[in-house]
Amino acid sequence: MLALVTGGGGFLGEAIVRQLLERGDRVRIIARADYPTLRELGAETQRGDIQDLATLQEACHGVEVVFHVAAKAGYWGKWDEYYGINVHGTQNVIDACLNQGVPKLVYTSSPSVIFNNQPQEGVDESTPYPLRYENVYSHTKALGEQLILRANQPGLLTVSLRPHLIWGPGDPHILPRLIAQAKKGALMQVGDGHNRVDLTYVEDAARAHLLAADALAPSSPLNGKAYFISQDEPVNLWGFVKELLGRLGLPPIKRKVSLRAARGIGAAFELLYRTLPLPGEPRLTRFLASELALSHYYNISRAKQDFGYSPQYSMAEAMEITLAWLSENIV
């Protein structure tokens, strides 16, 4: 099978590329940067931007499945930048698949597309999109997901996966930022510390994508559907963070702030960054405050039933592997 992975040089994208190659598939990636290490593994690499339809159509030639992983992530930024990549870029991927006769398209989404600033405890895929978003990433990813699901048709079978808080060795986002803040003594617990969240180990997140792609077929229940993906083992968020810091010998969290106060601080930061405007991103936003203080974990029964996904790593196993990598590469 020849697979195309958009954003194949990213954290999740690279894991998908490696797993495809390991099982004997041919892999092509399209990304804005060059990734010689992936070429050494056997992948074909192509430089390009998913906002350029012509480049995408060239990349899709002869491809049997596209894994659309590329996205602009984060909790702060300009609408046009997020929309261009997460919505316009996704429409380009769909159009390129249709123009080149690609039969399968697997989209990487996020549970944040249905986050409504309320606790979400074991909710399933019947949960609707909220009427309003406080975060441009969530909003544009939701719009992108809806494009993917509507695009499902006999000539192009589509599915959307929603892995939650992907972590593990090689994580360039969540864990390095957490460690940097801890070293500066800048970490604060938001909320009462009782909230539980899902995490998804990167190898299991990648494996879910392969399973979903393999299961796509004309009579498959996956067609045009979205699925939550996780380790199916929610953790107490602040207990998890404290264990991680303790195991790495980093300073403990000493300060706490209520959700209400944190959202007030976040709103003030947002106003400041919009008005001045300031470069970079605020240390706190209303969306981030809610994510840090509220429970958000999801029912993955549908993924288990429809395409046989189940995590291969326990949270304890994932923690040990990740701690070893962090100790050697980050701390």
C-alpha atoms as a PDB file:
ATOM      1  CA  MET A   1       0.000   0.000   0.000  1.00  0.00           C
ATOM      2  CA  LEU A   2       1.194   3.518  -0.792  1.00  0.00           C
ATOM      3  CA  ALA A   3       0.177   5.919   1.981  1.00  0.00           C
ATOM      4  CA  LEU A   4       0.535   9.689   2.103  1.00  0.00           C
ATOM      5  CA  VAL A   5       0.981  11.318   5.510  1.00  0.00           C
ATOM      6  CA  THR A   6       0.482  15.079   5.654  1.00  0.00           C
ATOM      7  CA  GLY A   7       2.589  16.526   8.459  1.00  0.00           C
ATOM      8  CA  GLY A   8       4.575  13.292   8.450  1.00  0.00           C
ATOM      9  CA  GLY A   9       7.515  14.923  10.207  1.00  0.00           C
ATOM     10  CA  GLY A  10       5.487  15.917  13.274  1.00  0.00           C
ATOM     11  CA  PHE A  11       5.141  14.062  16.549  1.00  0.00           C
ATOM     12  CA  LEU A  12       2.154  11.888  15.647  1.00  0.00           C
ATOM     13  CA  GLY A  13       2.853  11.947  11.915  1.00  0.00           C
ATOM     14  CA  GLU A  14       6.312  10.457  12.373  1.00  0.00           C
ATOM     15  CA  ALA A  15       4.907   7.666  14.555  1.00  0.00           C
ATOM     16  CA  ILE A  16       2.370   6.833  11.830  1.00  0.00           C
ATOM     17  CA  VAL A  17       5.125   6.848   9.194  1.00  0.00           C
ATOM     18  CA  ARG A  18       7.320   4.513  11.259  1.00  0.00           C
ATOM     19  CA  GLN A  19       4.496   2.055  11.913  1.00  0.00           C
ATOM     20  CA  LEU A  20       3.518   1.973   8.242  1.00  0.00           C
ATOM     21  CA  LEU A  21       7.103   1.321   7.170  1.00  0.00           C
ATOM     22  CA  GLU A  22       7.587  -1.328   9.845  1.00  0.00           C
ATOM     23  CA  ARG A  23       4.692  -3.368   8.475  1.00  0.00           C
ATOM     24  CA  GLY A  24       5.943  -3.093   4.899  1.00  0.00           C
ATOM     25  CA  ASP A  25       3.870  -0.288   3.399  1.00  0.00           C
ATOM     26  CA  ARG A  26       5.299   2.382   1.130  1.00  0.00           C
ATOM     27  CA  VAL A  27       5.058   5.878   2.589  1.00  0.00           C
ATOM     28  CA  ARG A  28       5.199   9.372   1.170  1.00  0.00           C
ATOM     29  CA  ILE A  29       5.086  12.441   3.372  1.00  0.00           C
ATOM     30  CA  ILE A  30       4.350  16.052   2.567  1.00  0.00           C
ATOM     31  CA  ALA A  31       5.599  18.667   5.011  1.00  0.00           C
ATOM     32  CA  ARG A  32       6.927  22.203   4.958  1.00  0.00           C
ATOM     33  CA  ALA A  33      10.329  21.156   6.332  1.00  0.00           C
ATOM     34  CA  ASP A  34      12.788  18.518   5.141  1.00  0.00           C
ATOM     35  CA  TYR A  35      13.115  15.254   7.086  1.00  0.00           C
ATOM     36  CA  PRO A  36      16.218  13.316   5.968  1.00  0.00           C
ATOM     37  CA  THR A  37      15.883  10.862   8.871  1.00  0.00           C
ATOM     38  CA  LEU A  38      12.544   9.700   7.450  1.00  0.00           C
ATOM     39  CA  ARG A  39      14.137   9.227   4.025  1.00  0.00           C
ATOM     40  CA  GLU A  40      16.769   7.071   5.684  1.00  0.00           C
ATOM     41  CA  LEU A  41      13.967   4.924   7.106  1.00  0.00           C
ATOM     42  CA  GLY A  42      12.569   4.461   3.612  1.00  0.00           C
ATOM     43  CA  ALA A  43       9.921   7.179   3.292  1.00  0.00           C
ATOM     44  CA  GLU A  44       9.581   9.384   0.235  1.00  0.00           C
ATOM     45  CA  THR A  45       9.604  13.022   1.329  1.00  0.00           C
ATOM     46  CA  GLN A  46       8.065  15.980  -0.457  1.00  0.00           C
ATOM     47  CA  ARG A  47       8.298  19.608   0.623  1.00  0.00           C
ATOM     48  CA  GLY A  48       5.060  21.499   0.370  1.00  0.00           C
ATOM     49  CA  ASP A  49       2.207  23.353   2.032  1.00  0.00           C
ATOM     50  CA  ILE A  50      -1.280  21.846   2.223  1.00  0.00           C
ATOM     51  CA  GLN A  51      -2.638  25.286   1.368  1.00  0.00           C
ATOM     52  CA  ASP A  52      -1.286  24.703  -2.171  1.00  0.00           C
ATOM     53  CA  LEU A  53      -3.725  22.411  -4.007  1.00  0.00           C
ATOM     54  CA  ALA A  54      -1.399  21.721  -6.938  1.00  0.00           C
ATOM     55  CA  THR A  55       1.336  20.432  -4.622  1.00  0.00           C
ATOM     56  CA  LEU A  56      -1.162  18.228  -2.811  1.00  0.00           C
ATOM     57  CA  GLN A  57      -2.488  16.764  -6.038  1.00  0.00           C
ATOM     58  CA  GLU A  58       1.045  15.812  -7.038  1.00  0.00           C
ATOM     59  CA  ALA A  59       1.620  14.218  -3.621  1.00  0.00           C
ATOM     60  CA  CYS A  60      -1.641  12.229  -3.883  1.00  0.00           C
ATOM     61  CA  HIS A  61      -0.771  10.617  -7.231  1.00  0.00           C
ATOM     62  CA  GLY A  62      -1.007   6.831  -6.938  1.00  0.00           C
ATOM     63  CA  VAL A  63      -1.846   6.961  -3.245  1.00  0.00           C
ATOM     64  CA  GLU A  64      -4.269   4.450  -1.687  1.00  0.00           C
ATOM     65  CA  VAL A  65      -4.822   6.155   1.674  1.00  0.00           C
ATOM     66  CA  VAL A  66      -4.126   9.641   3.021  1.00  0.00           C
ATOM     67  CA  PHE A  67      -3.513  10.250   6.705  1.00  0.00           C
ATOM     68  CA  HIS A  68      -4.224  13.960   7.127  1.00  0.00           C
ATOM     69  CA  VAL A  69      -2.290  14.804  10.293  1.00  0.00           C
ATOM     70  CA  ALA A  70      -0.941  18.261   9.431  1.00  0.00           C
ATOM     71  CA  ALA A  71      -2.528  21.082  11.423  1.00  0.00           C
ATOM     72  CA  LYS A  72      -1.799  24.324  13.179  1.00  0.00           C
ATOM     73  CA  ALA A  73      -2.062  23.513  16.878  1.00  0.00           C
ATOM     74  CA  GLY A  74      -1.991  25.697  19.994  1.00  0.00           C
ATOM     75  CA  TYR A  75      -4.394  27.680  22.116  1.00  0.00           C
ATOM     76  CA  TRP A  76      -3.689  31.180  20.809  1.00  0.00           C
ATOM     77  CA  GLY A  77      -3.195  32.831  17.440  1.00  0.00           C
ATOM     78  CA  LYS A  78      -4.766  34.612  14.488  1.00  0.00           C
ATOM     79  CA  TRP A  79      -7.951  33.253  12.960  1.00  0.00           C
ATOM     80  CA  ASP A  80      -6.655  33.519   9.386  1.00  0.00           C
ATOM     81  CA  GLU A  81      -3.562  31.434  10.135  1.00  0.00           C
ATOM     82  CA  TYR A  82      -5.551  28.648  11.797  1.00  0.00           C
ATOM     83  CA  TYR A  83      -8.311  28.751   9.195  1.00  0.00           C
ATOM     84  CA  GLY A  84      -5.859  28.642   6.301  1.00  0.00           C
ATOM     85  CA  ILE A  85      -4.230  25.421   7.485  1.00  0.00           C
ATOM     86  CA  ASN A  86      -6.977  23.648   9.427  1.00  0.00           C
ATOM     87  CA  VAL A  87      -9.946  24.423   7.179  1.00  0.00           C
ATOM     88  CA  HIS A  88      -8.747  25.562   3.750  1.00  0.00           C
ATOM     89  CA  GLY A  89      -5.872  23.062   3.889  1.00  0.00           C
ATOM     90  CA  THR A  90      -8.266  20.257   4.813  1.00  0.00           C
ATOM     91  CA  GLN A  91     -10.568  21.129   1.909  1.00  0.00           C
ATOM     92  CA  ASN A  92      -7.518  20.988  -0.361  1.00  0.00           C
ATOM     93  CA  VAL A  93      -6.695  17.505   0.940  1.00  0.00           C
ATOM     94  CA  ILE A  94     -10.251  16.373   0.174  1.00  0.00           C
ATOM     95  CA  ASP A  95     -10.148  17.918  -3.310  1.00  0.00           C
ATOM     96  CA  ALA A  96      -6.749  16.374  -4.063  1.00  0.00           C
ATOM     97  CA  CYS A  97      -8.008  12.940  -2.976  1.00  0.00           C
ATOM     98  CA  LEU A  98     -11.063  13.255  -5.222  1.00  0.00           C
ATOM     99  CA  ASN A  99      -9.055  14.535  -8.183  1.00  0.00           C
ATOM    100  CA  GLN A 100      -6.470  11.757  -7.882  1.00  0.00           C
ATOM    101  CA  GLY A 101      -8.889   8.953  -7.074  1.00  0.00           C
ATOM    102  CA  VAL A 102      -7.584   8.283  -3.553  1.00  0.00           C
ATOM    103  CA  PRO A 103     -10.118   5.864  -1.997  1.00  0.00           C
ATOM    104  CA  LYS A 104      -9.450   6.411   1.743  1.00  0.00           C
ATOM    105  CA  LEU A 105      -8.875   9.472   3.956  1.00  0.00           C
ATOM    106  CA  VAL A 106      -8.145   9.342   7.701  1.00  0.00           C
ATOM    107  CA  TYR A 107      -8.268  12.691   9.527  1.00  0.00           C
ATOM    108  CA  THR A 108      -6.601  13.532  12.833  1.00  0.00           C
ATOM    109  CA  SER A 109      -9.029  15.581  14.903  1.00  0.00           C
ATOM    110  CA  SER A 110      -9.230  16.315  18.639  1.00  0.00           C
ATOM    111  CA  PRO A 111     -11.764  16.017  21.467  1.00  0.00           C
ATOM    112  CA  SER A 112     -11.451  19.790  21.812  1.00  0.00           C
ATOM    113  CA  VAL A 113     -13.840  20.084  18.845  1.00  0.00           C
ATOM    114  CA  ILE A 114     -16.709  19.277  21.233  1.00  0.00           C
ATOM    115  CA  PHE A 115     -15.318  20.912  24.407  1.00  0.00           C
ATOM    116  CA  ASN A 116     -17.950  23.285  25.818  1.00  0.00           C
ATOM    117  CA  ASN A 117     -16.257  24.600  28.992  1.00  0.00           C
ATOM    118  CA  GLN A 118     -18.149  22.077  31.095  1.00  0.00           C
ATOM    119  CA  PRO A 119     -16.876  18.815  32.638  1.00  0.00           C
ATOM    120  CA  GLN A 120     -16.978  15.982  30.114  1.00  0.00           C
ATOM    121  CA  GLU A 121     -16.907  12.659  31.926  1.00  0.00           C
ATOM    122  CA  GLY A 122     -17.104   9.550  29.784  1.00  0.00           C
ATOM    123  CA  VAL A 123     -19.059  11.250  27.014  1.00  0.00           C
ATOM    124  CA  ASP A 124     -19.330   9.579  23.596  1.00  0.00           C
ATOM    125  CA  GLU A 125     -19.449  10.681  19.982  1.00  0.00           C
ATOM    126  CA  SER A 126     -23.102  11.701  20.218  1.00  0.00           C
ATOM    127  CA  THR A 127     -21.968  14.857  22.052  1.00  0.00           C
ATOM    128  CA  PRO A 128     -22.716  17.800  19.713  1.00  0.00           C
ATOM    129  CA  TYR A 129     -20.370  20.557  18.648  1.00  0.00           C
ATOM    130  CA  PRO A 130     -20.766  23.609  20.929  1.00  0.00           C
ATOM    131  CA  LEU A 131     -22.447  26.739  19.653  1.00  0.00           C
ATOM    132  CA  ARG A 132     -19.453  28.921  20.591  1.00  0.00           C
ATOM    133  CA  TYR A 133     -15.702  28.372  20.936  1.00  0.00           C
ATOM    134  CA  GLU A 134     -13.152  30.218  23.065  1.00  0.00           C
ATOM    135  CA  ASN A 135     -10.225  28.802  21.107  1.00  0.00           C
ATOM    136  CA  VAL A 136      -9.428  29.202  17.411  1.00  0.00           C
ATOM    137  CA  TYR A 137      -7.715  25.816  17.210  1.00  0.00           C
ATOM    138  CA  SER A 138     -10.795  23.972  18.493  1.00  0.00           C
ATOM    139  CA  HIS A 139     -13.100  25.948  16.230  1.00  0.00           C
ATOM    140  CA  THR A 140     -11.080  25.461  13.054  1.00  0.00           C
ATOM    141  CA  LYS A 141     -10.434  21.775  13.787  1.00  0.00           C
ATOM    142  CA  ALA A 142     -14.185  21.298  14.214  1.00  0.00           C
ATOM    143  CA  LEU A 143     -14.809  22.968  10.859  1.00  0.00           C
ATOM    144  CA  GLY A 144     -12.142  20.766   9.295  1.00  0.00           C
ATOM    145  CA  GLU A 145     -13.636  17.634  10.824  1.00  0.00           C
ATOM    146  CA  GLN A 146     -17.079  18.513   9.504  1.00  0.00           C
ATOM    147  CA  LEU A 147     -15.626  18.902   6.003  1.00  0.00           C
ATOM    148  CA  ILE A 148     -14.056  15.451   6.283  1.00  0.00           C
ATOM    149  CA  LEU A 149     -17.217  13.759   7.493  1.00  0.00           C
ATOM    150  CA  ARG A 150     -19.384  15.413   4.828  1.00  0.00           C
ATOM    151  CA  ALA A 151     -16.885  14.386   2.131  1.00  0.00           C
ATOM    152  CA  ASN A 152     -17.533  10.680   2.698  1.00  0.00           C
ATOM    153  CA  GLN A 153     -18.879   9.102  -0.487  1.00  0.00           C
ATOM    154  CA  PRO A 154     -18.487   5.881  -2.486  1.00  0.00           C
ATOM    155  CA  GLY A 155     -15.315   7.145  -4.173  1.00  0.00           C
ATOM    156  CA  LEU A 156     -13.733   8.550  -1.005  1.00  0.00           C
ATOM    157  CA  LEU A 157     -14.269   6.861   2.345  1.00  0.00           C
ATOM    158  CA  THR A 158     -13.462   9.142   5.280  1.00  0.00           C
ATOM    159  CA  VAL A 159     -13.103   8.814   9.042  1.00  0.00           C
ATOM    160  CA  SER A 160     -12.050  11.229  11.802  1.00  0.00           C
ATOM    161  CA  LEU A 161     -10.080  10.199  14.898  1.00  0.00           C
ATOM    162  CA  ARG A 162      -9.970  12.288  18.083  1.00  0.00           C
ATOM    163  CA  PRO A 163      -6.900  11.268  20.142  1.00  0.00           C
ATOM    164  CA  HIS A 164      -6.730  13.193  23.408  1.00  0.00           C
ATOM    165  CA  LEU A 165      -3.528  14.840  24.712  1.00  0.00           C
ATOM    166  CA  ILE A 166      -0.955  12.790  22.807  1.00  0.00           C
ATOM    167  CA  TRP A 167       2.239  12.233  24.815  1.00  0.00           C
ATOM    168  CA  GLY A 168       5.303  10.012  24.902  1.00  0.00           C
ATOM    169  CA  PRO A 169       8.957  10.015  23.786  1.00  0.00           C
ATOM    170  CA  GLY A 170       9.602  12.764  21.266  1.00  0.00           C
ATOM    171  CA  ASP A 171       6.778  15.004  22.512  1.00  0.00           C
ATOM    172  CA  PRO A 172       7.743  18.534  21.392  1.00  0.00           C
ATOM    173  CA  HIS A 173       4.797  20.311  23.010  1.00  0.00           C
ATOM    174  CA  ILE A 174       3.103  19.316  26.275  1.00  0.00           C
ATOM    175  CA  LEU A 175       5.898  17.780  28.331  1.00  0.00           C
ATOM    176  CA  PRO A 176       8.768  20.142  27.399  1.00  0.00           C
ATOM    177  CA  ARG A 177       6.564  23.155  28.179  1.00  0.00           C
ATOM    178  CA  LEU A 178       5.482  21.620  31.483  1.00  0.00           C
ATOM    179  CA  ILE A 179       9.087  20.933  32.477  1.00  0.00           C
ATOM    180  CA  ALA A 180      10.250  24.417  31.475  1.00  0.00           C
ATOM    181  CA  GLN A 181       7.548  26.016  33.616  1.00  0.00           C
ATOM    182  CA  ALA A 182       8.377  23.738  36.545  1.00  0.00           C
ATOM    183  CA  LYS A 183      12.066  24.643  36.390  1.00  0.00           C
ATOM    184  CA  LYS A 184      11.125  28.329  36.618  1.00  0.00           C
ATOM    185  CA  GLY A 185       8.754  27.668  39.526  1.00  0.00           C
ATOM    186  CA  ALA A 186       5.940  29.093  37.397  1.00  0.00           C
ATOM    187  CA  LEU A 187       3.512  26.152  37.507  1.00  0.00           C
ATOM    188  CA  MET A 188       0.211  26.710  39.282  1.00  0.00           C
ATOM    189  CA  GLN A 189      -2.550  24.201  39.940  1.00  0.00           C
ATOM    190  CA  VAL A 190      -5.803  25.424  38.452  1.00  0.00           C
ATOM    191  CA  GLY A 191      -8.962  24.237  40.171  1.00  0.00           C
ATOM    192  CA  ASP A 192      -9.428  21.885  43.125  1.00  0.00           C
ATOM    193  CA  GLY A 193      -7.135  19.186  41.735  1.00  0.00           C
ATOM    194  CA  HIS A 194      -9.839  16.507  41.450  1.00  0.00           C
ATOM    195  CA  ASN A 195     -10.321  16.653  37.679  1.00  0.00           C
ATOM    196  CA  ARG A 196      -9.624  13.571  35.591  1.00  0.00           C
ATOM    197  CA  VAL A 197      -8.410  13.597  32.005  1.00  0.00           C
ATOM    198  CA  ASP A 198      -7.578  11.183  29.198  1.00  0.00           C
ATOM    199  CA  LEU A 199      -4.144  10.978  27.644  1.00  0.00           C
ATOM    200  CA  THR A 200      -3.097   9.025  24.556  1.00  0.00           C
ATOM    201  CA  TYR A 201       0.313   7.408  24.226  1.00  0.00           C
ATOM    202  CA  VAL A 202       1.762   8.316  20.837  1.00  0.00           C
ATOM    203  CA  GLU A 203       2.323   4.730  19.697  1.00  0.00           C
ATOM    204  CA  ASP A 204      -1.294   3.838  20.430  1.00  0.00           C
ATOM    205  CA  ALA A 205      -2.539   7.009  18.739  1.00  0.00           C
ATOM    206  CA  ALA A 206      -0.607   6.057  15.598  1.00  0.00           C
ATOM    207  CA  ARG A 207      -1.785   2.458  15.740  1.00  0.00           C
ATOM    208  CA  ALA A 208      -5.400   3.645  15.896  1.00  0.00           C
ATOM    209  CA  HIS A 209      -4.883   5.481  12.602  1.00  0.00           C
ATOM    210  CA  LEU A 210      -3.604   2.338  10.880  1.00  0.00           C
ATOM    211  CA  LEU A 211      -6.450   0.243  12.249  1.00  0.00           C
ATOM    212  CA  ALA A 212      -9.035   2.780  11.091  1.00  0.00           C
ATOM    213  CA  ALA A 213      -7.503   2.986   7.605  1.00  0.00           C
ATOM    214  CA  ASP A 214      -7.487  -0.796   7.271  1.00  0.00           C
ATOM    215  CA  ALA A 215     -11.122  -1.017   8.391  1.00  0.00           C
ATOM    216  CA  LEU A 216     -12.419   1.556   5.892  1.00  0.00           C
ATOM    217  CA  ALA A 217     -14.472  -0.285   3.280  1.00  0.00           C
ATOM    218  CA  PRO A 218     -17.715   0.349   1.366  1.00  0.00           C
ATOM    219  CA  SER A 219     -19.802  -1.393   4.039  1.00  0.00           C
ATOM    220  CA  SER A 220     -17.754  -0.225   7.026  1.00  0.00           C
ATOM    221  CA  PRO A 221     -19.460   1.484   9.980  1.00  0.00           C
ATOM    222  CA  LEU A 222     -16.529   3.941  10.078  1.00  0.00           C
ATOM    223  CA  ASN A 223     -17.536   5.773   6.932  1.00  0.00           C
ATOM    224  CA  GLY A 224     -18.191   9.425   7.687  1.00  0.00           C
ATOM    225  CA  LYS A 225     -17.874   8.931  11.465  1.00  0.00           C
ATOM    226  CA  ALA A 226     -15.736  10.395  14.265  1.00  0.00           C
ATOM    227  CA  TYR A 227     -14.090   8.359  17.043  1.00  0.00           C
ATOM    228  CA  PHE A 228     -12.505   9.196  20.386  1.00  0.00           C
ATOM    229  CA  ILE A 229      -9.089   7.618  21.027  1.00  0.00           C
ATOM    230  CA  SER A 230      -7.267   7.375  24.370  1.00  0.00           C
ATOM    231  CA  GLN A 231      -5.528   4.961  26.743  1.00  0.00           C
ATOM    232  CA  ASP A 232      -8.970   4.289  28.222  1.00  0.00           C
ATOM    233  CA  GLU A 233      -7.430   4.993  31.624  1.00  0.00           C
ATOM    234  CA  PRO A 234      -8.296   8.525  32.833  1.00  0.00           C
ATOM    235  CA  VAL A 235      -5.842   9.987  35.330  1.00  0.00           C
ATOM    236  CA  ASN A 236      -6.134  12.655  37.977  1.00  0.00           C
ATOM    237  CA  LEU A 237      -4.481  15.462  36.016  1.00  0.00           C
ATOM    238  CA  TRP A 238      -2.671  17.157  38.871  1.00  0.00           C
ATOM    239  CA  GLY A 239      -1.692  13.850  40.458  1.00  0.00           C
ATOM    240  CA  PHE A 240      -0.190  12.841  37.124  1.00  0.00           C
ATOM    241  CA  VAL A 241       1.717  16.129  36.851  1.00  0.00           C
ATOM    242  CA  LYS A 242       2.994  15.894  40.426  1.00  0.00           C
ATOM    243  CA  GLU A 243       4.184  12.320  39.895  1.00  0.00           C
ATOM    244  CA  LEU A 244       5.966  13.298  36.696  1.00  0.00           C
ATOM    245  CA  LEU A 245       7.737  16.236  38.350  1.00  0.00           C
ATOM    246  CA  GLY A 246       8.658  14.178  41.390  1.00  0.00           C
ATOM    247  CA  ARG A 247      10.078  11.316  39.342  1.00  0.00           C
ATOM    248  CA  LEU A 248      12.196  13.789  37.367  1.00  0.00           C
ATOM    249  CA  GLY A 249      13.435  15.595  40.471  1.00  0.00           C
ATOM    250  CA  LEU A 250      11.831  18.886  39.488  1.00  0.00           C
ATOM    251  CA  PRO A 251      10.392  21.525  41.865  1.00  0.00           C
ATOM    252  CA  PRO A 252       6.877  20.698  43.090  1.00  0.00           C
ATOM    253  CA  ILE A 253       3.830  22.855  42.460  1.00  0.00           C
ATOM    254  CA  LYS A 254       3.357  25.245  45.380  1.00  0.00           C
ATOM    255  CA  ARG A 255       0.622  27.598  44.203  1.00  0.00           C
ATOM    256  CA  LYS A 256      -3.065  27.104  43.439  1.00  0.00           C
ATOM    257  CA  VAL A 257      -5.714  29.242  41.789  1.00  0.00           C
ATOM    258  CA  SER A 258      -9.450  28.673  41.451  1.00  0.00           C
ATOM    259  CA  LEU A 259     -11.000  28.100  38.042  1.00  0.00           C
ATOM    260  CA  ARG A 260     -12.996  31.313  38.346  1.00  0.00           C
ATOM    261  CA  ALA A 261      -9.896  33.356  39.127  1.00  0.00           C
ATOM    262  CA  ALA A 262      -7.885  31.623  36.404  1.00  0.00           C
ATOM    263  CA  ARG A 263     -10.519  32.367  33.794  1.00  0.00           C
ATOM    264  CA  GLY A 264     -10.532  36.005  34.917  1.00  0.00           C
ATOM    265  CA  ILE A 265      -6.756  36.164  34.542  1.00  0.00           C
ATOM    266  CA  GLY A 266      -7.021  34.440  31.179  1.00  0.00           C
ATOM    267  CA  ALA A 267      -9.618  36.941  29.948  1.00  0.00           C
ATOM    268  CA  ALA A 268      -7.351  39.824  30.988  1.00  0.00           C
ATOM    269  CA  PHE A 269      -4.394  38.290  29.149  1.00  0.00           C
ATOM    270  CA  GLU A 270      -6.512  37.769  26.027  1.00  0.00           C
ATOM    271  CA  LEU A 271      -7.627  41.403  26.058  1.00  0.00           C
ATOM    272  CA  LEU A 272      -4.066  42.605  26.558  1.00  0.00           C
ATOM    273  CA  TYR A 273      -2.670  40.484  23.726  1.00  0.00           C
ATOM    274  CA  ARG A 274      -5.426  41.546  21.344  1.00  0.00           C
ATOM    275  CA  THR A 275      -5.310  45.242  22.187  1.00  0.00           C
ATOM    276  CA  LEU A 276      -1.581  45.986  22.138  1.00  0.00           C
ATOM    277  CA  PRO A 277      -1.027  43.445  20.381  1.00  0.00           C
ATOM    278  CA  LEU A 278       1.763  41.457  22.018  1.00  0.00           C
ATOM    279  CA  PRO A 279       3.925  38.820  20.290  1.00  0.00           C
ATOM    280  CA  GLY A 280       3.798  35.159  21.247  1.00  0.00           C
ATOM    281  CA  GLU A 281       0.983  33.710  23.314  1.00  0.00           C
ATOM    282  CA  PRO A 282      -0.500  34.478  26.750  1.00  0.00           C
ATOM    283  CA  ARG A 283       0.572  32.311  29.657  1.00  0.00           C
ATOM    284  CA  LEU A 284      -3.095  31.674  30.360  1.00  0.00           C
ATOM    285  CA  THR A 285      -6.401  31.945  28.465  1.00  0.00           C
ATOM    286  CA  ARG A 286      -9.984  31.132  29.444  1.00  0.00           C
ATOM    287  CA  PHE A 287      -9.883  27.954  27.349  1.00  0.00           C
ATOM    288  CA  LEU A 288      -6.611  26.804  28.903  1.00  0.00           C
ATOM    289  CA  ALA A 289      -7.891  27.520  32.419  1.00  0.00           C
ATOM    290  CA  SER A 290     -10.953  25.347  31.811  1.00  0.00           C
ATOM    291  CA  GLU A 291      -8.855  22.558  30.298  1.00  0.00           C
ATOM    292  CA  LEU A 292      -6.596  22.555  33.370  1.00  0.00           C
ATOM    293  CA  ALA A 293      -9.398  22.574  35.935  1.00  0.00           C
ATOM    294  CA  LEU A 294     -12.229  20.492  34.462  1.00  0.00           C
ATOM    295  CA  SER A 295     -12.543  16.780  33.810  1.00  0.00           C
ATOM    296  CA  HIS A 296     -12.431  15.695  30.159  1.00  0.00           C
ATOM    297  CA  TYR A 297     -12.294  12.015  29.379  1.00  0.00           C
ATOM    298  CA  TYR A 298     -14.138  10.060  26.743  1.00  0.00           C
ATOM    299  CA  ASN A 299     -15.851   6.774  25.973  1.00  0.00           C
ATOM    300  CA  ILE A 300     -13.890   4.831  23.335  1.00  0.00           C
ATOM    301  CA  SER A 301     -16.305   1.891  23.101  1.00  0.00           C
ATOM    302  CA  ARG A 302     -17.198   2.763  19.514  1.00  0.00           C
ATOM    303  CA  ALA A 303     -13.553   2.577  18.390  1.00  0.00           C
ATOM    304  CA  LYS A 304     -13.203  -0.793  20.117  1.00  0.00           C
ATOM    305  CA  GLN A 305     -16.324  -2.134  18.456  1.00  0.00           C
ATOM    306  CA  ASP A 306     -15.995  -0.707  14.946  1.00  0.00           C
ATOM    307  CA  PHE A 307     -12.299  -1.196  14.182  1.00  0.00           C
ATOM    308  CA  GLY A 308     -10.798  -3.153  17.048  1.00  0.00           C
ATOM    309  CA  TYR A 309      -8.832  -0.379  18.718  1.00  0.00           C
ATOM    310  CA  SER A 310      -7.598  -0.995  22.230  1.00  0.00           C
ATOM    311  CA  PRO A 311      -4.499   0.531  23.812  1.00  0.00           C
ATOM    312  CA  GLN A 312      -1.427  -1.700  23.799  1.00  0.00           C
ATOM    313  CA  TYR A 313       0.289   0.256  26.577  1.00  0.00           C
ATOM    314  CA  SER A 314      -0.953   0.906  30.088  1.00  0.00           C
ATOM    315  CA  MET A 315      -0.474   4.376  31.532  1.00  0.00           C
ATOM    316  CA  ALA A 316       2.157   2.935  33.899  1.00  0.00           C
ATOM    317  CA  GLU A 317       4.118   1.426  31.008  1.00  0.00           C
ATOM    318  CA  ALA A 318       3.857   4.624  28.982  1.00  0.00           C
ATOM    319  CA  MET A 319       5.041   6.635  31.987  1.00  0.00           C
ATOM    320  CA  GLU A 320       8.180   4.528  32.449  1.00  0.00           C
ATOM    321  CA  ILE A 321       9.155   4.723  28.774  1.00  0.00           C
ATOM    322  CA  THR A 322       8.503   8.461  28.633  1.00  0.00           C
ATOM    323  CA  LEU A 323      10.356   9.219  31.868  1.00  0.00           C
ATOM    324  CA  ALA A 324      13.442   7.453  30.521  1.00  0.00           C
ATOM    325  CA  TRP A 325      13.320   9.558  27.360  1.00  0.00           C
ATOM    326  CA  LEU A 326      12.709  12.796  29.260  1.00  0.00           C
ATOM    327  CA  SER A 327      15.632  12.085  31.599  1.00  0.00           C
ATOM    328  CA  GLU A 328      17.986  11.642  28.643  1.00  0.00           C
ATOM    329  CA  ASN A 329      16.715  14.385  26.355  1.00  0.00           C
ATOM    330  CA  ILE A 330      14.892  17.169  28.212  1.00  0.00           C
ATOM    331  CA  VAL A 331      15.654  17.388  31.954  1.00  0.00           C
END
